[in-house]
Every structure is written in C-alpha cells, then in structure tokens.
Amino acid sequence: MEPTSVLSITPIYIAVLGLFFLAITARIALYRIKSRISLGTGDDPEMVRRMRGQANFVETVPIALLLLIAMELLGASNTWLHALGLALVLGRVVHYFGLIQLAPLSFRIFGIGVTLLTILLGSIWILIDVLLPNVWTGFGVN
C-alpha cells in the first residue's frame, strides 16, 4: 500500500527551486575555486553579485514556499497553486539573471516584483480563506 500525500503540487516547486538553489550555489563554489577566494567576497564585485543572488533567493523563497504549502493544505485550487508556483520560479530565475548581470537590470526589477507579488497574493489568499471562508464559495472557488 502506497502512502498518500496531502501535498501533491507544492513539492514540485520545492524540488525545482531546490535544484535552482544548487545551481546558483555551485556557481559560487566554482568561482571561489577559480578566483581563489576561500572566505567572504575578497572585494571581488563578481563574487558579491553571485553571493547576493544566492542570499536574495534564501531571503525570499522560504516564505513563498511556506505560503504555497499552507495554501495547498487549506485546499487552494490547482490553478492557484500552479500559477503562484510558476510565478515564483519565473521570478527567481529572472531576478537572478538580472542581478548577476547576465540579463538587463529590468530582469532584476521584474523578477523581484513577481516574487513579491507571489508572496502578497499567497498571503491575501490565506487571510481570506481563514478569516472569510465563505468568500471563495461566492466566487465558485473551493
């Protein structure tokens, strides 16, 4: 008998973002080896960019994923979960490329905007669902 899982959508985005985190962390490690910077930034602007890309990921992704998990546990539709999950992945990738200057600055601005919008919408969805549970029913949702 296979164990049943309460979560079926959010783990997909956790895994994808986990792989992306490994990739950006590997870029730092490889650059450390190449530039012989064993600790800190070595006052190297490229190392600062790479480290800030990773740090910004760590600063925003956990709360966004917690919100997605809570939404799924509260019964959010697959549409909501996939829309916010995809937006989060897109936002993080686009932001990272803009931050490390592999894309224009506008990518960084767009990416953080999408990430923060994901957090905002997830937060609002949860508050409405918990504080005003009949609201979604009125919209034919849930």
N, C-alpha and C. Protein backbone atom coordinates (compact mmCIF):
# COMPACT_ATOMS: atom_id res chain seq x y z
N MET A 1 0.84 -1.17 0.00
CA MET A 1 0.00 0.00 0.00
C MET A 1 0.89 1.25 0.00
N GLU A 2 0.64 2.14 -0.93
CA GLU A 2 1.44 3.36 -1.03
C GLU A 2 0.92 4.42 -0.07
N PRO A 3 1.84 5.17 0.57
CA PRO A 3 1.38 6.24 1.45
C PRO A 3 0.75 7.36 0.63
N THR A 4 -0.29 7.96 1.17
CA THR A 4 -0.92 9.08 0.47
C THR A 4 -0.31 10.38 0.97
N SER A 5 -0.24 11.33 0.09
CA SER A 5 0.34 12.61 0.42
C SER A 5 -0.74 13.68 0.39
N VAL A 6 -0.70 14.53 1.38
CA VAL A 6 -1.63 15.66 1.42
C VAL A 6 -1.20 16.69 0.38
N LEU A 7 0.09 16.81 0.17
CA LEU A 7 0.64 17.77 -0.78
C LEU A 7 0.97 17.07 -2.09
N SER A 8 0.47 17.60 -3.19
CA SER A 8 0.79 16.99 -4.47
C SER A 8 1.36 17.98 -5.48
N ILE A 9 1.15 19.26 -5.27
CA ILE A 9 1.61 20.28 -6.22
C ILE A 9 2.82 21.04 -5.68
N THR A 10 2.73 21.50 -4.46
CA THR A 10 3.82 22.32 -3.89
C THR A 10 5.17 21.60 -3.92
N PRO A 11 5.24 20.28 -3.67
CA PRO A 11 6.54 19.62 -3.72
C PRO A 11 7.25 19.76 -5.07
N ILE A 12 6.49 19.89 -6.14
CA ILE A 12 7.09 20.09 -7.46
C ILE A 12 7.92 21.38 -7.47
N TYR A 13 7.34 22.44 -6.94
CA TYR A 13 8.01 23.74 -6.94
C TYR A 13 9.14 23.78 -5.91
N ILE A 14 8.98 23.06 -4.81
CA ILE A 14 10.07 22.95 -3.84
C ILE A 14 11.26 22.28 -4.51
N ALA A 15 11.02 21.21 -5.25
CA ALA A 15 12.10 20.48 -5.92
C ALA A 15 12.77 21.32 -7.00
N VAL A 16 11.98 21.99 -7.83
CA VAL A 16 12.54 22.83 -8.90
C VAL A 16 13.39 23.95 -8.30
N LEU A 17 12.86 24.60 -7.27
CA LEU A 17 13.63 25.68 -6.65
C LEU A 17 14.84 25.15 -5.89
N GLY A 18 14.74 23.94 -5.36
CA GLY A 18 15.90 23.31 -4.73
C GLY A 18 17.03 23.07 -5.72
N LEU A 19 16.67 22.62 -6.92
CA LEU A 19 17.67 22.42 -7.96
C LEU A 19 18.28 23.74 -8.41
N PHE A 20 17.45 24.77 -8.52
CA PHE A 20 17.96 26.09 -8.90
C PHE A 20 18.91 26.61 -7.82
N PHE A 21 18.56 26.40 -6.55
CA PHE A 21 19.44 26.82 -5.46
C PHE A 21 20.79 26.11 -5.56
N LEU A 22 20.78 24.82 -5.86
CA LEU A 22 22.04 24.10 -6.01
C LEU A 22 22.88 24.68 -7.15
N ALA A 23 22.22 25.06 -8.24
CA ALA A 23 22.95 25.63 -9.38
C ALA A 23 23.60 26.96 -9.02
N ILE A 24 22.86 27.84 -8.33
CA ILE A 24 23.46 29.14 -8.01
C ILE A 24 24.53 28.99 -6.93
N THR A 25 24.37 28.00 -6.07
CA THR A 25 25.40 27.74 -5.05
C THR A 25 26.66 27.18 -5.71
N ALA A 26 26.48 26.31 -6.68
CA ALA A 26 27.63 25.75 -7.41
C ALA A 26 28.40 26.84 -8.15
N ARG A 27 27.67 27.82 -8.70
CA ARG A 27 28.34 28.93 -9.39
C ARG A 27 29.26 29.70 -8.43
N ILE A 28 28.83 29.83 -7.19
CA ILE A 28 29.66 30.50 -6.19
C ILE A 28 30.89 29.64 -5.89
N ALA A 29 30.67 28.37 -5.66
CA ALA A 29 31.79 27.47 -5.33
C ALA A 29 32.82 27.42 -6.45
N LEU A 30 32.36 27.31 -7.68
CA LEU A 30 33.29 27.26 -8.81
C LEU A 30 34.05 28.57 -8.96
N TYR A 31 33.36 29.69 -8.72
CA TYR A 31 34.03 30.99 -8.81
C TYR A 31 35.04 31.14 -7.68
N ARG A 32 34.73 30.62 -6.51
CA ARG A 32 35.69 30.66 -5.39
C ARG A 32 36.98 29.94 -5.77
N ILE A 33 36.82 28.77 -6.37
CA ILE A 33 37.99 27.99 -6.78
C ILE A 33 38.79 28.76 -7.83
N LYS A 34 38.09 29.25 -8.85
CA LYS A 34 38.74 29.96 -9.95
C LYS A 34 39.47 31.21 -9.46
N SER A 35 38.84 31.96 -8.58
CA SER A 35 39.42 33.24 -8.14
C SER A 35 40.19 33.13 -6.83
N ARG A 36 40.23 31.94 -6.25
CA ARG A 36 40.97 31.68 -5.01
C ARG A 36 40.48 32.57 -3.86
N ILE A 37 39.18 32.67 -3.74
CA ILE A 37 38.56 33.40 -2.62
C ILE A 37 37.96 32.33 -1.72
N SER A 38 38.62 32.07 -0.59
CA SER A 38 38.14 30.98 0.26
C SER A 38 37.05 31.43 1.24
N LEU A 39 37.01 32.72 1.57
CA LEU A 39 36.04 33.20 2.55
C LEU A 39 35.60 34.61 2.17
N GLY A 40 34.34 34.88 2.33
CA GLY A 40 33.84 36.22 2.04
C GLY A 40 33.83 36.51 0.55
N THR A 41 33.95 37.81 0.23
CA THR A 41 33.87 38.23 -1.17
C THR A 41 35.22 38.55 -1.79
N GLY A 42 36.25 38.70 -0.96
CA GLY A 42 37.55 39.07 -1.49
C GLY A 42 37.52 40.41 -2.21
N ASP A 43 36.56 41.26 -1.86
CA ASP A 43 36.35 42.56 -2.53
C ASP A 43 36.22 42.41 -4.04
N ASP A 44 35.70 41.29 -4.48
CA ASP A 44 35.51 41.00 -5.89
C ASP A 44 34.04 41.27 -6.24
N PRO A 45 33.77 42.24 -7.12
CA PRO A 45 32.38 42.57 -7.46
C PRO A 45 31.58 41.38 -8.02
N GLU A 46 32.23 40.52 -8.77
CA GLU A 46 31.55 39.35 -9.32
C GLU A 46 31.13 38.40 -8.19
N MET A 47 32.01 38.22 -7.22
CA MET A 47 31.67 37.35 -6.09
C MET A 47 30.52 37.96 -5.28
N VAL A 48 30.54 39.27 -5.12
CA VAL A 48 29.44 39.94 -4.40
C VAL A 48 28.12 39.70 -5.13
N ARG A 49 28.10 39.85 -6.45
CA ARG A 49 26.87 39.62 -7.23
C ARG A 49 26.38 38.19 -7.07
N ARG A 50 27.28 37.24 -7.18
CA ARG A 50 26.89 35.84 -7.07
C ARG A 50 26.35 35.53 -5.68
N MET A 51 27.03 36.05 -4.66
CA MET A 51 26.58 35.80 -3.29
C MET A 51 25.25 36.49 -3.00
N ARG A 52 25.05 37.69 -3.52
CA ARG A 52 23.77 38.38 -3.31
C ARG A 52 22.65 37.66 -4.04
N GLY A 53 22.96 37.08 -5.20
CA GLY A 53 21.94 36.30 -5.90
C GLY A 53 21.46 35.12 -5.07
N GLN A 54 22.41 34.45 -4.44
CA GLN A 54 22.06 33.32 -3.57
C GLN A 54 21.35 33.82 -2.31
N ALA A 55 21.86 34.88 -1.71
CA ALA A 55 21.27 35.40 -0.48
C ALA A 55 19.85 35.89 -0.71
N ASN A 56 19.61 36.58 -1.83
CA ASN A 56 18.26 37.06 -2.11
C ASN A 56 17.31 35.88 -2.28
N PHE A 57 17.77 34.83 -2.90
CA PHE A 57 16.97 33.61 -3.04
C PHE A 57 16.58 33.09 -1.66
N VAL A 58 17.58 32.98 -0.78
CA VAL A 58 17.35 32.47 0.57
C VAL A 58 16.44 33.40 1.38
N GLU A 59 16.47 34.69 1.09
CA GLU A 59 15.66 35.66 1.81
C GLU A 59 14.19 35.64 1.39
N THR A 60 13.89 35.19 0.18
CA THR A 60 12.51 35.29 -0.31
C THR A 60 11.82 33.95 -0.55
N VAL A 61 12.54 32.95 -0.98
CA VAL A 61 11.92 31.68 -1.37
C VAL A 61 11.29 30.93 -0.20
N PRO A 62 11.93 30.83 0.96
CA PRO A 62 11.29 30.05 2.04
C PRO A 62 9.89 30.55 2.42
N ILE A 63 9.69 31.84 2.58
CA ILE A 63 8.37 32.34 2.95
C ILE A 63 7.37 32.07 1.83
N ALA A 64 7.79 32.24 0.60
CA ALA A 64 6.89 31.98 -0.53
C ALA A 64 6.47 30.50 -0.55
N LEU A 65 7.41 29.60 -0.31
CA LEU A 65 7.08 28.18 -0.30
C LEU A 65 6.20 27.81 0.89
N LEU A 66 6.45 28.42 2.03
CA LEU A 66 5.57 28.17 3.18
C LEU A 66 4.14 28.61 2.89
N LEU A 67 3.99 29.73 2.21
CA LEU A 67 2.66 30.19 1.82
C LEU A 67 2.00 29.20 0.87
N LEU A 68 2.75 28.70 -0.11
CA LEU A 68 2.19 27.71 -1.04
C LEU A 68 1.78 26.42 -0.32
N ILE A 69 2.61 25.98 0.61
CA ILE A 69 2.28 24.78 1.39
C ILE A 69 0.99 25.02 2.18
N ALA A 70 0.92 26.16 2.86
CA ALA A 70 -0.29 26.48 3.64
C ALA A 70 -1.52 26.54 2.73
N MET A 71 -1.37 27.17 1.57
CA MET A 71 -2.49 27.24 0.63
C MET A 71 -2.95 25.84 0.21
N GLU A 72 -1.99 24.99 -0.10
CA GLU A 72 -2.37 23.64 -0.53
C GLU A 72 -3.06 22.88 0.60
N LEU A 73 -2.55 23.03 1.82
CA LEU A 73 -3.17 22.36 2.97
C LEU A 73 -4.57 22.91 3.25
N LEU A 74 -4.78 24.19 2.94
CA LEU A 74 -6.09 24.80 3.15
C LEU A 74 -7.06 24.52 2.00
N GLY A 75 -6.57 23.89 0.95
CA GLY A 75 -7.46 23.49 -0.13
C GLY A 75 -7.49 24.41 -1.33
N ALA A 76 -6.44 25.18 -1.55
CA ALA A 76 -6.37 26.05 -2.73
C ALA A 76 -6.48 25.20 -3.99
N SER A 77 -7.05 25.77 -5.01
CA SER A 77 -7.20 25.05 -6.28
C SER A 77 -5.84 24.83 -6.94
N ASN A 78 -5.81 23.84 -7.81
CA ASN A 78 -4.58 23.57 -8.58
C ASN A 78 -4.18 24.80 -9.40
N THR A 79 -5.16 25.53 -9.89
CA THR A 79 -4.88 26.72 -10.69
C THR A 79 -4.11 27.75 -9.86
N TRP A 80 -4.58 28.02 -8.65
CA TRP A 80 -3.87 28.97 -7.78
C TRP A 80 -2.45 28.49 -7.49
N LEU A 81 -2.33 27.23 -7.12
CA LEU A 81 -1.02 26.70 -6.73
C LEU A 81 -0.04 26.71 -7.89
N HIS A 82 -0.48 26.29 -9.07
CA HIS A 82 0.41 26.30 -10.23
C HIS A 82 0.73 27.72 -10.67
N ALA A 83 -0.25 28.60 -10.63
CA ALA A 83 0.00 29.99 -11.05
C ALA A 83 1.04 30.64 -10.14
N LEU A 84 0.87 30.50 -8.84
CA LEU A 84 1.84 31.11 -7.92
C LEU A 84 3.17 30.38 -7.93
N GLY A 85 3.14 29.05 -8.05
CA GLY A 85 4.39 28.29 -8.12
C GLY A 85 5.21 28.64 -9.35
N LEU A 86 4.55 28.70 -10.49
CA LEU A 86 5.25 29.07 -11.73
C LEU A 86 5.75 30.51 -11.67
N ALA A 87 4.93 31.39 -11.12
CA ALA A 87 5.35 32.80 -10.98
C ALA A 87 6.59 32.90 -10.09
N LEU A 88 6.60 32.14 -9.01
CA LEU A 88 7.75 32.16 -8.11
C LEU A 88 9.01 31.68 -8.81
N VAL A 89 8.92 30.57 -9.51
CA VAL A 89 10.09 30.05 -10.24
C VAL A 89 10.55 31.07 -11.29
N LEU A 90 9.61 31.58 -12.07
CA LEU A 90 9.95 32.58 -13.08
C LEU A 90 10.59 33.81 -12.44
N GLY A 91 9.98 34.30 -11.38
CA GLY A 91 10.51 35.48 -10.70
C GLY A 91 11.93 35.28 -10.20
N ARG A 92 12.19 34.12 -9.61
CA ARG A 92 13.53 33.88 -9.06
C ARG A 92 14.57 33.75 -10.17
N VAL A 93 14.24 33.05 -11.23
CA VAL A 93 15.20 32.86 -12.33
C VAL A 93 15.49 34.20 -13.00
N VAL A 94 14.45 34.93 -13.33
CA VAL A 94 14.62 36.23 -14.00
C VAL A 94 15.40 37.19 -13.11
N HIS A 95 15.04 37.24 -11.83
CA HIS A 95 15.75 38.13 -10.90
C HIS A 95 17.23 37.78 -10.83
N TYR A 96 17.52 36.50 -10.72
CA TYR A 96 18.91 36.06 -10.61
C TYR A 96 19.72 36.48 -11.83
N PHE A 97 19.19 36.27 -13.02
CA PHE A 97 19.92 36.64 -14.23
C PHE A 97 20.14 38.15 -14.31
N GLY A 98 19.16 38.92 -13.85
CA GLY A 98 19.33 40.37 -13.82
C GLY A 98 20.35 40.80 -12.79
N LEU A 99 20.32 40.15 -11.63
CA LEU A 99 21.23 40.52 -10.54
C LEU A 99 22.69 40.21 -10.88
N ILE A 100 22.93 39.07 -11.50
CA ILE A 100 24.32 38.72 -11.80
C ILE A 100 24.76 39.27 -13.16
N GLN A 101 23.94 40.10 -13.73
CA GLN A 101 24.23 40.84 -14.97
C GLN A 101 24.38 39.94 -16.20
N LEU A 102 23.66 38.83 -16.21
CA LEU A 102 23.57 38.02 -17.42
C LEU A 102 22.38 38.47 -18.26
N ALA A 103 21.62 39.41 -17.71
CA ALA A 103 20.46 39.99 -18.39
C ALA A 103 20.37 41.45 -17.93
N PRO A 104 19.56 42.26 -18.60
CA PRO A 104 19.43 43.67 -18.23
C PRO A 104 18.87 43.85 -16.81
N LEU A 105 19.12 45.01 -16.25
CA LEU A 105 18.64 45.36 -14.91
C LEU A 105 17.12 45.19 -14.81
N SER A 106 16.41 45.42 -15.91
CA SER A 106 14.95 45.28 -15.90
C SER A 106 14.53 43.87 -15.50
N PHE A 107 15.34 42.85 -15.78
CA PHE A 107 15.03 41.48 -15.37
C PHE A 107 15.02 41.39 -13.85
N ARG A 108 15.99 42.03 -13.23
CA ARG A 108 16.07 42.01 -11.76
C ARG A 108 14.84 42.65 -11.15
N ILE A 109 14.45 43.80 -11.68
CA ILE A 109 13.29 44.52 -11.16
C ILE A 109 12.02 43.69 -11.38
N PHE A 110 11.85 43.16 -12.58
CA PHE A 110 10.68 42.34 -12.88
C PHE A 110 10.65 41.10 -11.98
N GLY A 111 11.80 40.46 -11.83
CA GLY A 111 11.87 39.22 -11.04
C GLY A 111 11.51 39.42 -9.59
N ILE A 112 12.03 40.48 -8.97
CA ILE A 112 11.69 40.70 -7.56
C ILE A 112 10.23 41.12 -7.44
N GLY A 113 9.74 41.86 -8.43
CA GLY A 113 8.33 42.24 -8.43
C GLY A 113 7.41 41.03 -8.48
N VAL A 114 7.73 40.08 -9.36
CA VAL A 114 6.92 38.86 -9.48
C VAL A 114 7.03 38.04 -8.19
N THR A 115 8.22 37.95 -7.63
CA THR A 115 8.40 37.21 -6.38
C THR A 115 7.57 37.82 -5.26
N LEU A 116 7.66 39.14 -5.11
CA LEU A 116 6.91 39.80 -4.03
C LEU A 116 5.40 39.73 -4.28
N LEU A 117 5.00 39.79 -5.53
CA LEU A 117 3.58 39.64 -5.86
C LEU A 117 3.08 38.24 -5.49
N THR A 118 3.91 37.25 -5.72
CA THR A 118 3.57 35.87 -5.33
C THR A 118 3.34 35.78 -3.82
N ILE A 119 4.25 36.39 -3.06
CA ILE A 119 4.12 36.39 -1.60
C ILE A 119 2.87 37.16 -1.17
N LEU A 120 2.62 38.29 -1.80
CA LEU A 120 1.44 39.09 -1.47
C LEU A 120 0.15 38.32 -1.75
N LEU A 121 0.03 37.76 -2.96
CA LEU A 121 -1.18 37.04 -3.33
C LEU A 121 -1.40 35.80 -2.46
N GLY A 122 -0.33 35.09 -2.16
CA GLY A 122 -0.45 33.93 -1.27
C GLY A 122 -0.91 34.34 0.12
N SER A 123 -0.36 35.42 0.63
CA SER A 123 -0.75 35.91 1.95
C SER A 123 -2.21 36.33 1.98
N ILE A 124 -2.62 37.07 0.97
CA ILE A 124 -4.02 37.52 0.89
C ILE A 124 -4.95 36.33 0.75
N TRP A 125 -4.59 35.36 -0.11
CA TRP A 125 -5.43 34.18 -0.30
C TRP A 125 -5.66 33.48 1.04
N ILE A 126 -4.58 33.30 1.81
CA ILE A 126 -4.68 32.61 3.10
C ILE A 126 -5.55 33.40 4.07
N LEU A 127 -5.33 34.70 4.15
CA LEU A 127 -6.14 35.51 5.08
C LEU A 127 -7.62 35.45 4.72
N ILE A 128 -7.92 35.54 3.45
CA ILE A 128 -9.33 35.45 3.03
C ILE A 128 -9.89 34.07 3.35
N ASP A 129 -9.12 33.04 3.05
CA ASP A 129 -9.60 31.67 3.27
C ASP A 129 -9.84 31.40 4.76
N VAL A 130 -8.96 31.90 5.60
CA VAL A 130 -9.07 31.62 7.03
C VAL A 130 -10.07 32.55 7.73
N LEU A 131 -10.02 33.83 7.38
CA LEU A 131 -10.87 34.81 8.07
C LEU A 131 -12.26 34.94 7.47
N LEU A 132 -12.37 34.72 6.18
CA LEU A 132 -13.65 34.86 5.49
C LEU A 132 -13.91 33.63 4.62
N PRO A 133 -14.09 32.47 5.24
CA PRO A 133 -14.16 31.23 4.46
C PRO A 133 -15.27 31.16 3.43
N ASN A 134 -16.32 31.92 3.57
CA ASN A 134 -17.42 31.86 2.60
C ASN A 134 -17.17 32.70 1.36
N VAL A 135 -16.13 33.52 1.36
CA VAL A 135 -15.85 34.38 0.22
C VAL A 135 -15.56 33.57 -1.04
N TRP A 136 -14.70 32.56 -0.91
CA TRP A 136 -14.33 31.76 -2.09
C TRP A 136 -15.54 31.03 -2.66
N THR A 137 -16.43 30.58 -1.79
CA THR A 137 -17.62 29.87 -2.25
C THR A 137 -18.47 30.79 -3.13
N GLY A 138 -18.53 32.06 -2.76
CA GLY A 138 -19.29 33.03 -3.55
C GLY A 138 -18.74 33.21 -4.95
N PHE A 139 -17.45 32.93 -5.13
CA PHE A 139 -16.82 33.05 -6.45
C PHE A 139 -16.74 31.70 -7.16
N GLY A 140 -17.37 30.69 -6.57
CA GLY A 140 -17.35 29.36 -7.17
C GLY A 140 -16.02 28.66 -7.01
N VAL A 141 -15.21 29.10 -6.04
CA VAL A 141 -13.90 28.52 -5.80
C VAL A 141 -13.97 27.69 -4.53
N ASN A 142 -13.17 26.62 -4.45
CA ASN A 142 -13.09 25.70 -3.31
C ASN A 142 -14.21 24.75 -3.34
